[in-house]
PDB file of N, CA and C in Angstrom:
ATOM      1  N   UNK A   1     110.620 104.997  73.603  1.00  0.00           N
ATOM      2  CA  UNK A   1     109.152 105.034  73.314  1.00  0.00           C
ATOM      3  C   UNK A   1     108.351 104.605  74.516  1.00  0.00           C
ATOM      4  N   UNK A   2     108.784 103.628  75.260  1.00  0.00           N
ATOM      5  CA  UNK A   2     108.072 103.115  76.400  1.00  0.00           C
ATOM      6  C   UNK A   2     108.121 104.118  77.519  1.00  0.00           C
ATOM      7  N   UNK A   3     109.238 104.670  77.862  1.00  0.00           N
ATOM      8  CA  UNK A   3     109.327 105.576  78.976  1.00  0.00           C
ATOM      9  C   UNK A   3     108.537 106.809  78.798  1.00  0.00           C
ATOM     10  N   UNK A   4     108.526 107.514  77.608  1.00  0.00           N
ATOM     11  CA  UNK A   4     107.708 108.629  77.409  1.00  0.00           C
ATOM     12  C   UNK A   4     106.204 108.273  77.623  1.00  0.00           C
ATOM     13  N   UNK A   5     105.826 107.127  77.047  1.00  0.00           N
ATOM     14  CA  UNK A   5     104.390 106.685  77.178  1.00  0.00           C
ATOM     15  C   UNK A   5     103.972 106.582  78.711  1.00  0.00           C
ATOM     16  N   UNK A   6     104.876 105.986  79.468  1.00  0.00           N
ATOM     17  CA  UNK A   6     104.652 105.850  80.955  1.00  0.00           C
ATOM     18  C   UNK A   6     104.579 107.212  81.633  1.00  0.00           C
ATOM     19  N   UNK A   7     105.535 108.088  81.193  1.00  0.00           N
ATOM     20  CA  UNK A   7     105.609 109.434  81.808  1.00  0.00           C
ATOM     21  C   UNK A   7     104.363 110.214  81.540  1.00  0.00           C
ATOM     22  N   UNK A   8     103.816 110.188  80.243  1.00  0.00           N
ATOM     23  CA  UNK A   8     102.647 110.826  79.850  1.00  0.00           C
ATOM     24  C   UNK A   8     101.379 110.140  80.389  1.00  0.00           C
ATOM     25  N   UNK A   9     101.505 108.896  80.842  1.00  0.00           N
ATOM     26  CA  UNK A   9     100.325 108.261  81.311  1.00  0.00           C
ATOM     27  C   UNK A   9      99.504 107.651  80.215  1.00  0.00           C
ATOM     28  N   UNK A  10     100.041 107.415  79.055  1.00  0.00           N
ATOM     29  CA  UNK A  10      99.312 106.819  77.905  1.00  0.00           C
ATOM     30  C   UNK A  10      99.512 105.304  77.832  1.00  0.00           C
ATOM     31  N   UNK A  11     100.363 104.805  78.723  1.00  0.00           N
ATOM     32  CA  UNK A  11     100.567 103.347  78.780  1.00  0.00           C
ATOM     33  C   UNK A  11     100.823 102.911  80.179  1.00  0.00           C
ATOM     34  N   UNK A  12     100.482 101.731  80.497  1.00  0.00           N
ATOM     35  CA  UNK A  12     100.719 101.140  81.830  1.00  0.00           C
ATOM     36  C   UNK A  12     101.798 100.093  81.607  1.00  0.00           C
ATOM     37  N   UNK A  13     102.620  99.820  82.718  1.00  0.00           N
ATOM     38  CA  UNK A  13     103.660  98.829  82.699  1.00  0.00           C
ATOM     39  C   UNK A  13     103.183  97.526  82.304  1.00  0.00           C
ATOM     40  N   UNK A  14     102.037  97.115  82.870  1.00  0.00           N
ATOM     41  CA  UNK A  14     101.486  95.766  82.521  1.00  0.00           C
ATOM     42  C   UNK A  14     101.285  95.615  81.024  1.00  0.00           C
ATOM     43  N   UNK A  15     100.742  96.618  80.428  1.00  0.00           N
ATOM     44  CA  UNK A  15     100.432  96.597  78.932  1.00  0.00           C
ATOM     45  C   UNK A  15     101.761  96.508  78.202  1.00  0.00           C
ATOM     46  N   UNK A  16     102.818  97.162  78.636  1.00  0.00           N
ATOM     47  CA  UNK A  16     104.110  97.042  77.917  1.00  0.00           C
ATOM     48  C   UNK A  16     104.761  95.722  78.158  1.00  0.00           C
ATOM     49  N   UNK A  17     104.637  95.160  79.374  1.00  0.00           N
ATOM     50  CA  UNK A  17     105.241  93.857  79.617  1.00  0.00           C
ATOM     51  C   UNK A  17     104.522  92.697  78.870  1.00  0.00           C
ATOM     52  N   UNK A  18     103.261  92.910  78.578  1.00  0.00           N
ATOM     53  CA  UNK A  18     102.610  91.897  77.816  1.00  0.00           C
ATOM     54  C   UNK A  18     103.091  91.810  76.364  1.00  0.00           C
ATOM     55  N   UNK A  19     103.732  92.845  75.900  1.00  0.00           N
ATOM     56  CA  UNK A  19     104.271  92.859  74.541  1.00  0.00           C
ATOM     57  C   UNK A  19     105.587  91.965  74.388  1.00  0.00           C
ATOM     58  N   UNK A  20     106.206  91.711  75.504  1.00  0.00           N
ATOM     59  CA  UNK A  20     107.407  90.863  75.431  1.00  0.00           C
ATOM     60  C   UNK A  20     107.046  89.494  75.352  1.00  0.00           C
ATOM     61  N   UNK A  21     107.650  88.737  74.501  1.00  0.00           N
ATOM     62  CA  UNK A  21     107.428  87.321  74.440  1.00  0.00           C
ATOM     63  C   UNK A  21     108.376  86.580  75.403  1.00  0.00           C
ATOM     64  N   UNK A  22     108.235  85.312  75.550  1.00  0.00           N
ATOM     65  CA  UNK A  22     109.147  84.579  76.327  1.00  0.00           C
ATOM     66  C   UNK A  22     110.600  84.621  75.830  1.00  0.00           C
ATOM     67  N   UNK A  23     110.759  84.920  74.642  1.00  0.00           N
ATOM     68  CA  UNK A  23     112.145  85.011  74.150  1.00  0.00           C
ATOM     69  C   UNK A  23     112.813  86.384  74.559  1.00  0.00           C
ATOM     70  N   UNK A  24     111.998  87.336  74.943  1.00  0.00           N
ATOM     71  CA  UNK A  24     112.527  88.700  75.169  1.00  0.00           C
ATOM     72  C   UNK A  24     112.689  88.912  76.696  1.00  0.00           C
ATOM     73  N   UNK A  25     112.527  87.986  77.520  1.00  0.00           N
ATOM     74  CA  UNK A  25     112.584  88.191  78.968  1.00  0.00           C
ATOM     75  C   UNK A  25     113.998  88.618  79.397  1.00  0.00           C
ATOM     76  N   UNK A  26     114.937  88.475  78.636  1.00  0.00           N
ATOM     77  CA  UNK A  26     116.247  88.927  78.918  1.00  0.00           C
ATOM     78  C   UNK A  26     116.514  90.354  78.515  1.00  0.00           C
ATOM     79  N   UNK A  27     115.485  90.996  77.853  1.00  0.00           N
ATOM     80  CA  UNK A  27     115.563  92.301  77.326  1.00  0.00           C
ATOM     81  C   UNK A  27     115.794  93.223  78.539  1.00  0.00           C
ATOM     82  N   UNK A  28     116.616  94.306  78.395  1.00  0.00           N
ATOM     83  CA  UNK A  28     116.989  95.198  79.516  1.00  0.00           C
ATOM     84  C   UNK A  28     115.724  96.013  79.932  1.00  0.00           C
ATOM     85  N   UNK A  29     114.888  96.338  78.945  1.00  0.00           N
ATOM     86  CA  UNK A  29     113.586  97.111  79.390  1.00  0.00           C
ATOM     87  C   UNK A  29     112.708  96.248  80.152  1.00  0.00           C
ATOM     88  N   UNK A  30     112.558  94.990  79.800  1.00  0.00           N
ATOM     89  CA  UNK A  30     111.699  94.081  80.567  1.00  0.00           C
ATOM     90  C   UNK A  30     112.286  93.934  82.001  1.00  0.00           C
ATOM     91  N   UNK A  31     113.617  93.708  82.140  1.00  0.00           N
ATOM     92  CA  UNK A  31     114.212  93.539  83.426  1.00  0.00           C
ATOM     93  C   UNK A  31     114.079  94.803  84.260  1.00  0.00           C
ATOM     94  N   UNK A  32     114.160  95.911  83.630  1.00  0.00           N
ATOM     95  CA  UNK A  32     114.072  97.206  84.353  1.00  0.00           C
ATOM     96  C   UNK A  32     112.567  97.358  84.945  1.00  0.00           C
ATOM     97  N   UNK A  33     111.576  97.015  84.077  1.00  0.00           N
ATOM     98  CA  UNK A  33     110.215  97.101  84.496  1.00  0.00           C
ATOM     99  C   UNK A  33     109.918  96.076  85.633  1.00  0.00           C
ATOM    100  N   UNK A  34     110.520  94.922  85.622  1.00  0.00           N
ATOM    101  CA  UNK A  34     110.335  93.965  86.652  1.00  0.00           C
ATOM    102  C   UNK A  34     110.871  94.484  87.924  1.00  0.00           C
ATOM    103  N   UNK A  35     112.021  94.976  87.866  1.00  0.00           N
ATOM    104  CA  UNK A  35     112.609  95.622  89.140  1.00  0.00           C
ATOM    105  C   UNK A  35     111.795  96.861  89.642  1.00  0.00           C
ATOM    106  N   UNK A  36     111.307  97.636  88.690  1.00  0.00           N
ATOM    107  CA  UNK A  36     110.496  98.677  89.105  1.00  0.00           C
ATOM    108  C   UNK A  36     109.213  98.267  89.766  1.00  0.00           C
ATOM    109  N   UNK A  37     108.627  97.129  89.256  1.00  0.00           N
ATOM    110  CA  UNK A  37     107.487  96.581  89.934  1.00  0.00           C
ATOM    111  C   UNK A  37     107.756  96.072  91.307  1.00  0.00           C
ATOM    112  N   UNK A  38     108.861  95.454  91.535  1.00  0.00           N
ATOM    113  CA  UNK A  38     109.274  94.961  92.842  1.00  0.00           C
ATOM    114  C   UNK A  38     109.365  96.175  93.806  1.00  0.00           C
ATOM    115  N   UNK A  39     110.085  97.203  93.259  1.00  0.00           N
ATOM    116  CA  UNK A  39     110.261  98.436  94.145  1.00  0.00           C
ATOM    117  C   UNK A  39     108.898  99.020  94.505  1.00  0.00           C
ATOM    118  N   UNK A  40     107.991  99.062  93.558  1.00  0.00           N
ATOM    119  CA  UNK A  40     106.710  99.675  93.752  1.00  0.00           C
ATOM    120  C   UNK A  40     105.903  98.851  94.827  1.00  0.00           C
ATOM    121  N   UNK A  41     105.946  97.489  94.685  1.00  0.00           N
ATOM    122  CA  UNK A  41     105.349  96.651  95.721  1.00  0.00           C
ATOM    123  C   UNK A  41     105.900  96.797  97.073  1.00  0.00           C
ATOM    124  N   UNK A  42     107.274  97.056  97.147  1.00  0.00           N
ATOM    125  CA  UNK A  42     107.899  97.195  98.417  1.00  0.00           C
ATOM    126  C   UNK A  42     107.465  98.464  99.032  1.00  0.00           C
ATOM    127  N   UNK A  43     107.464  99.582  98.280  1.00  0.00           N
ATOM    128  CA  UNK A  43     106.930 100.841  98.730  1.00  0.00           C
ATOM    129  C   UNK A  43     105.502 100.716  99.268  1.00  0.00           C
ATOM    130  N   UNK A  44     104.649 100.056  98.505  1.00  0.00           N
ATOM    131  CA  UNK A  44     103.294  99.917  98.957  1.00  0.00           C
ATOM    132  C   UNK A  44     103.195  99.191 100.291  1.00  0.00           C
ATOM    133  N   UNK A  45     103.941  98.123 100.377  1.00  0.00           N
ATOM    134  CA  UNK A  45     103.924  97.316 101.645  1.00  0.00           C
ATOM    135  C   UNK A  45     104.456  98.162 102.855  1.00  0.00           C
ATOM    136  N   UNK A  46     105.448  98.904 102.634  1.00  0.00           N
ATOM    137  CA  UNK A  46     105.959  99.821 103.718  1.00  0.00           C
ATOM    138  C   UNK A  46     104.850 100.834 104.110  1.00  0.00           C
ATOM    139  N   UNK A  47     104.181 101.475 103.124  1.00  0.00           N
ATOM    140  CA  UNK A  47     103.145 102.381 103.399  1.00  0.00           C
ATOM    141  C   UNK A  47     101.988 101.639 104.109  1.00  0.00           C
ATOM    142  N   UNK A  48     101.747 100.372 103.755  1.00  0.00           N
ATOM    143  CA  UNK A  48     100.603  99.603 104.343  1.00  0.00           C
ATOM    144  C   UNK A  48     100.940  99.235 105.704  1.00  0.00           C
ATOM    145  N   UNK A  49     102.081  98.818 106.012  1.00  0.00           N
ATOM    146  CA  UNK A  49     102.451  98.362 107.392  1.00  0.00           C
ATOM    147  C   UNK A  49     102.590  99.567 108.363  1.00  0.00           C
ATOM    148  N   UNK A  50     102.908 100.663 107.963  1.00  0.00           N
ATOM    149  CA  UNK A  50     103.081 101.814 108.870  1.00  0.00           C
ATOM    150  C   UNK A  50     101.798 102.291 109.532  1.00  0.00           C
ATOM    151  N   UNK A  51     100.877 102.923 108.794  1.00  0.00           N
ATOM    152  CA  UNK A  51      99.689 103.451 109.483  1.00  0.00           C
ATOM    153  C   UNK A  51      98.606 102.413 109.659  1.00  0.00           C
ATOM    154  N   UNK A  52      98.171 102.352 110.905  1.00  0.00           N
ATOM    155  CA  UNK A  52      97.098 101.361 111.249  1.00  0.00           C
ATOM    156  C   UNK A  52      95.755 101.725 110.511  1.00  0.00           C
ATOM    157  N   UNK A  53      95.543 102.927 110.264  1.00  0.00           N
ATOM    158  CA  UNK A  53      94.295 103.469 109.652  1.00  0.00           C
ATOM    159  C   UNK A  53      94.179 102.826 108.180  1.00  0.00           C
ATOM    160  N   UNK A  54      95.309 102.839 107.470  1.00  0.00           N
ATOM    161  CA  UNK A  54      95.326 102.225 106.062  1.00  0.00           C
ATOM    162  C   UNK A  54      95.089 100.803 106.174  1.00  0.00           C
ATOM    163  N   UNK A  55      95.738 100.140 107.048  1.00  0.00           N
ATOM    164  CA  UNK A  55      95.513  98.715 107.147  1.00  0.00           C
ATOM    165  C   UNK A  55      94.055  98.325 107.441  1.00  0.00           C
ATOM    166  N   UNK A  56      93.418  99.070 108.250  1.00  0.00           N
ATOM    167  CA  UNK A  56      92.034  98.833 108.554  1.00  0.00           C
ATOM    168  C   UNK A  56      91.154  99.060 107.317  1.00  0.00           C
ATOM    169  N   UNK A  57      91.468 100.151 106.570  1.00  0.00           N
ATOM    170  CA  UNK A  57      90.703 100.479 105.367  1.00  0.00           C
ATOM    171  C   UNK A  57      90.775  99.385 104.238  1.00  0.00           C
ATOM    172  N   UNK A  58      92.025  98.934 104.130  1.00  0.00           N
ATOM    173  CA  UNK A  58      92.308  97.841 103.128  1.00  0.00           C
ATOM    174  C   UNK A  58      91.651  96.544 103.567  1.00  0.00           C
ATOM    175  N   UNK A  59      91.714  96.230 104.830  1.00  0.00           N
ATOM    176  CA  UNK A  59      91.138  94.975 105.427  1.00  0.00           C
ATOM    177  C   UNK A  59      89.608  95.035 105.307  1.00  0.00           C
ATOM    178  N   UNK A  60      88.935  96.168 105.480  1.00  0.00           N
ATOM    179  CA  UNK A  60      87.551  96.293 105.338  1.00  0.00           C
ATOM    180  C   UNK A  60      87.134  96.031 103.870  1.00  0.00           C
ATOM    181  N   UNK A  61      87.965  96.558 102.927  1.00  0.00           N
ATOM    182  CA  UNK A  61      87.623  96.394 101.461  1.00  0.00           C
ATOM    183  C   UNK A  61      87.798  94.886 101.193  1.00  0.00           C
ATOM    184  N   UNK A  62      88.769  94.231 101.710  1.00  0.00           N
ATOM    185  CA  UNK A  62      88.981  92.807 101.423  1.00  0.00           C
ATOM    186  C   UNK A  62      87.801  91.954 102.031  1.00  0.00           C
ATOM    187  N   UNK A  63      87.341  92.423 103.202  1.00  0.00           N
ATOM    188  CA  UNK A  63      86.110  91.726 103.746  1.00  0.00           C
ATOM    189  C   UNK A  63      84.933  91.867 102.902  1.00  0.00           C
ATOM    190  N   UNK A  64      84.745  92.982 102.247  1.00  0.00           N
ATOM    191  CA  UNK A  64      83.598  93.179 101.428  1.00  0.00           C
ATOM    192  C   UNK A  64      83.689  92.185 100.252  1.00  0.00           C
ATOM    193  N   UNK A  65      84.899  92.011  99.664  1.00  0.00           N
ATOM    194  CA  UNK A  65      85.107  91.251  98.573  1.00  0.00           C
ATOM    195  C   UNK A  65      84.898  89.719  98.950  1.00  0.00           C
ATOM    196  N   UNK A  66      85.333  89.396 100.118  1.00  0.00           N
ATOM    197  CA  UNK A  66      85.083  88.034 100.587  1.00  0.00           C
ATOM    198  C   UNK A  66      83.729  87.727 100.903  1.00  0.00           C
ATOM    199  N   UNK A  67      82.902  88.667 101.356  1.00  0.00           N
ATOM    200  CA  UNK A  67      81.488  88.484 101.609  1.00  0.00           C
ATOM    201  C   UNK A  67      80.742  88.318 100.297  1.00  0.00           C
ATOM    202  N   UNK A  68      81.142  89.053  99.274  1.00  0.00           N
ATOM    203  CA  UNK A  68      80.580  88.973  97.924  1.00  0.00           C
ATOM    204  C   UNK A  68      80.859  87.598  97.348  1.00  0.00           C
ATOM    205  N   UNK A  69      82.105  87.149  97.504  1.00  0.00           N
ATOM    206  CA  UNK A  69      82.421  85.891  97.018  1.00  0.00           C
ATOM    207  C   UNK A  69      81.621  84.729  97.662  1.00  0.00           C
ATOM    208  N   UNK A  70      81.401  84.871  99.019  1.00  0.00           N
ATOM    209  CA  UNK A  70      80.581  83.954  99.685  1.00  0.00           C
ATOM    210  C   UNK A  70      79.208  83.845  99.163  1.00  0.00           C
ATOM    211  N   UNK A  71      78.622  85.093  98.864  1.00  0.00           N
ATOM    212  CA  UNK A  71      77.296  85.119  98.326  1.00  0.00           C
ATOM    213  C   UNK A  71      77.205  84.499  96.956  1.00  0.00           C
ATOM    214  N   UNK A  72      78.216  84.678  96.127  1.00  0.00           N
ATOM    215  CA  UNK A  72      78.220  84.173  94.783  1.00  0.00           C
ATOM    216  C   UNK A  72      78.297  82.605  94.881  1.00  0.00           C
ATOM    217  N   UNK A  73      79.095  82.097  95.864  1.00  0.00           N
ATOM    218  CA  UNK A  73      79.191  80.606  96.023  1.00  0.00           C
ATOM    219  C   UNK A  73      77.795  80.048  96.403  1.00  0.00           C
ATOM    220  N   UNK A  74      77.040  80.819  97.128  1.00  0.00           N
ATOM    221  CA  UNK A  74      75.728  80.359  97.608  1.00  0.00           C
ATOM    222  C   UNK A  74      74.701  80.321  96.448  1.00  0.00           C
ATOM    223  N   UNK A  75      74.724  81.303  95.609  1.00  0.00           N
ATOM    224  CA  UNK A  75      73.839  81.332  94.506  1.00  0.00           C
ATOM    225  C   UNK A  75      74.249  80.358  93.447  1.00  0.00           C
ATOM    226  N   UNK A  76      73.339  79.616  92.893  1.00  0.00           N
ATOM    227  CA  UNK A  76      73.722  78.582  91.928  1.00  0.00           C
ATOM    228  C   UNK A  76      73.725  79.101  90.483  1.00  0.00           C
ATOM    229  N   UNK A  77      74.856  79.107  89.876  1.00  0.00           N
ATOM    230  CA  UNK A  77      75.009  79.626  88.555  1.00  0.00           C
ATOM    231  C   UNK A  77      75.066  78.494  87.544  1.00  0.00           C
ATOM    232  N   UNK A  78      74.968  77.238  87.951  1.00  0.00           N
ATOM    233  CA  UNK A  78      74.947  76.090  87.068  1.00  0.00           C
ATOM    234  C   UNK A  78      76.182  76.110  86.181  1.00  0.00           C
ATOM    235  N   UNK A  79      77.308  76.112  86.764  1.00  0.00           N
ATOM    236  CA  UNK A  79      78.587  76.042  85.973  1.00  0.00           C
ATOM    237  C   UNK A  79      78.692  74.758  85.179  1.00  0.00           C
ATOM    238  N   UNK A  80      78.296  74.865  83.953  1.00  0.00           N
ATOM    239  CA  UNK A  80      78.314  73.709  83.083  1.00  0.00           C
ATOM    240  C   UNK A  80      77.698  72.509  83.623  1.00  0.00           C
ATOM    241  N   UNK A  81      76.632  72.750  84.369  1.00  0.00           N
ATOM    242  CA  UNK A  81      75.869  71.651  84.988  1.00  0.00           C
ATOM    243  C   UNK A  81      76.579  70.952  86.084  1.00  0.00           C
ATOM    244  N   UNK A  82      77.696  71.473  86.626  1.00  0.00           N
ATOM    245  CA  UNK A  82      78.373  70.847  87.704  1.00  0.00           C
ATOM    246  C   UNK A  82      78.077  71.451  89.065  1.00  0.00           C
ATOM    247  N   UNK A  83      78.039  70.638  90.011  1.00  0.00           N
ATOM    248  CA  UNK A  83      77.804  71.143  91.406  1.00  0.00           C
ATOM    249  C   UNK A  83      79.207  71.540  91.949  1.00  0.00           C
ATOM    250  N   UNK A  84      79.241  72.656  92.650  1.00  0.00           N
ATOM    251  CA  UNK A  84      80.550  73.125  93.227  1.00  0.00           C
ATOM    252  C   UNK A  84      80.908  72.391  94.538  1.00  0.00           C
ATOM    253  N   UNK A  85      79.946  71.787  95.115  1.00  0.00           N
ATOM    254  CA  UNK A  85      80.153  71.154  96.393  1.00  0.00           C
ATOM    255  C   UNK A  85      79.838  69.695  96.378  1.00  0.00           C
ATOM    256  N   UNK A  86      80.380  68.932  97.328  1.00  0.00           N
ATOM    257  CA  UNK A  86      80.095  67.561  97.494  1.00  0.00           C
ATOM    258  C   UNK A  86      79.047  67.272  98.497  1.00  0.00           C
ATOM    259  N   UNK A  87      78.630  68.335  99.212  1.00  0.00           N
ATOM    260  CA  UNK A  87      77.698  68.067 100.338  1.00  0.00           C
ATOM    261  C   UNK A  87      76.239  68.067  99.742  1.00  0.00           C
ATOM    262  N   UNK A  88      75.483  67.069 100.279  1.00  0.00           N
ATOM    263  CA  UNK A  88      74.117  66.941  99.856  1.00  0.00           C
ATOM    264  C   UNK A  88      73.230  68.122 100.160  1.00  0.00           C
ATOM    265  N   UNK A  89      73.422  68.720 101.295  1.00  0.00           N
ATOM    266  CA  UNK A  89      72.650  69.883 101.673  1.00  0.00           C
ATOM    267  C   UNK A  89      72.932  70.994 100.647  1.00  0.00           C
ATOM    268  N   UNK A  90      74.147  71.163 100.193  1.00  0.00           N
ATOM    269  CA  UNK A  90      74.431  72.194  99.258  1.00  0.00           C
ATOM    270  C   UNK A  90      73.735  71.886  97.902  1.00  0.00           C
ATOM    271  N   UNK A  91      73.674  70.718  97.581  1.00  0.00           N
ATOM    272  CA  UNK A  91      73.035  70.281  96.301  1.00  0.00           C
ATOM    273  C   UNK A  91      71.526  70.619  96.392  1.00  0.00           C
ATOM    274  N   UNK A  92      70.941  70.282  97.488  1.00  0.00           N
ATOM    275  CA  UNK A  92      69.484  70.563  97.628  1.00  0.00           C
ATOM    276  C   UNK A  92      69.179  72.021  97.507  1.00  0.00           C
ATOM    277  N   UNK A  93      70.029  72.864  98.232  1.00  0.00           N
ATOM    278  CA  UNK A  93      69.814  74.292  98.155  1.00  0.00           C
ATOM    279  C   UNK A  93      69.958  74.856  96.787  1.00  0.00           C
ATOM    280  N   UNK A  94      70.945  74.305  96.089  1.00  0.00           N
ATOM    281  CA  UNK A  94      71.274  74.718  94.686  1.00  0.00           C
ATOM    282  C   UNK A  94      70.128  74.409  93.763  1.00  0.00           C
ATOM    283  N   UNK A  95      69.576  73.211  93.896  1.00  0.00           N
ATOM    284  CA  UNK A  95      68.485  72.772  93.023  1.00  0.00           C
ATOM    285  C   UNK A  95      67.219  73.532  93.300  1.00  0.00           C
ATOM    286  N   UNK A  96      66.982  73.797  94.602  1.00  0.00           N
ATOM    287  CA  UNK A  96      65.810  74.564  94.956  1.00  0.00           C
ATOM    288  C   UNK A  96      65.903  75.968  94.443  1.00  0.00           C
ATOM    289  N   UNK A  97      67.096  76.571  94.400  1.00  0.00           N
ATOM    290  CA  UNK A  97      67.268  77.907  93.882  1.00  0.00           C
ATOM    291  C   UNK A  97      66.882  78.027  92.342  1.00  0.00           C
ATOM    292  N   UNK A  98      66.932  76.898  91.642  1.00  0.00           N
ATOM    293  CA  UNK A  98      66.532  76.919  90.301  1.00  0.00           C
ATOM    294  C   UNK A  98      65.080  77.041  89.990  1.00  0.00           C
ATOM    295  N   UNK A  99      64.265  76.704  91.051  1.00  0.00           N
ATOM    296  CA  UNK A  99      62.851  76.724  90.921  1.00  0.00           C
ATOM    297  C   UNK A  99      62.314  78.104  90.747  1.00  0.00           C
TER     298      UNK A  99
END
């Protein structure tokens, strides 16, 4: 049932693996999907390492995410009233952002 669902694209491996409990990690289907995941990651890394163009594209995408994360850290979201930093200057900026 799981292989046809994957073949038809109606299920993803992650969704199927979530159905296994800790007791079922020795199940042959679970083990097969884990090995398939390792092979898939290896193929991706080989494709990533070979062309410089793809590495640059992925790196640019990662930089965008890092810049966004930096902006989010700067904006004060008042996480349960806790300050994310121990620096006094960061506290001042955070409190002024609330005004």
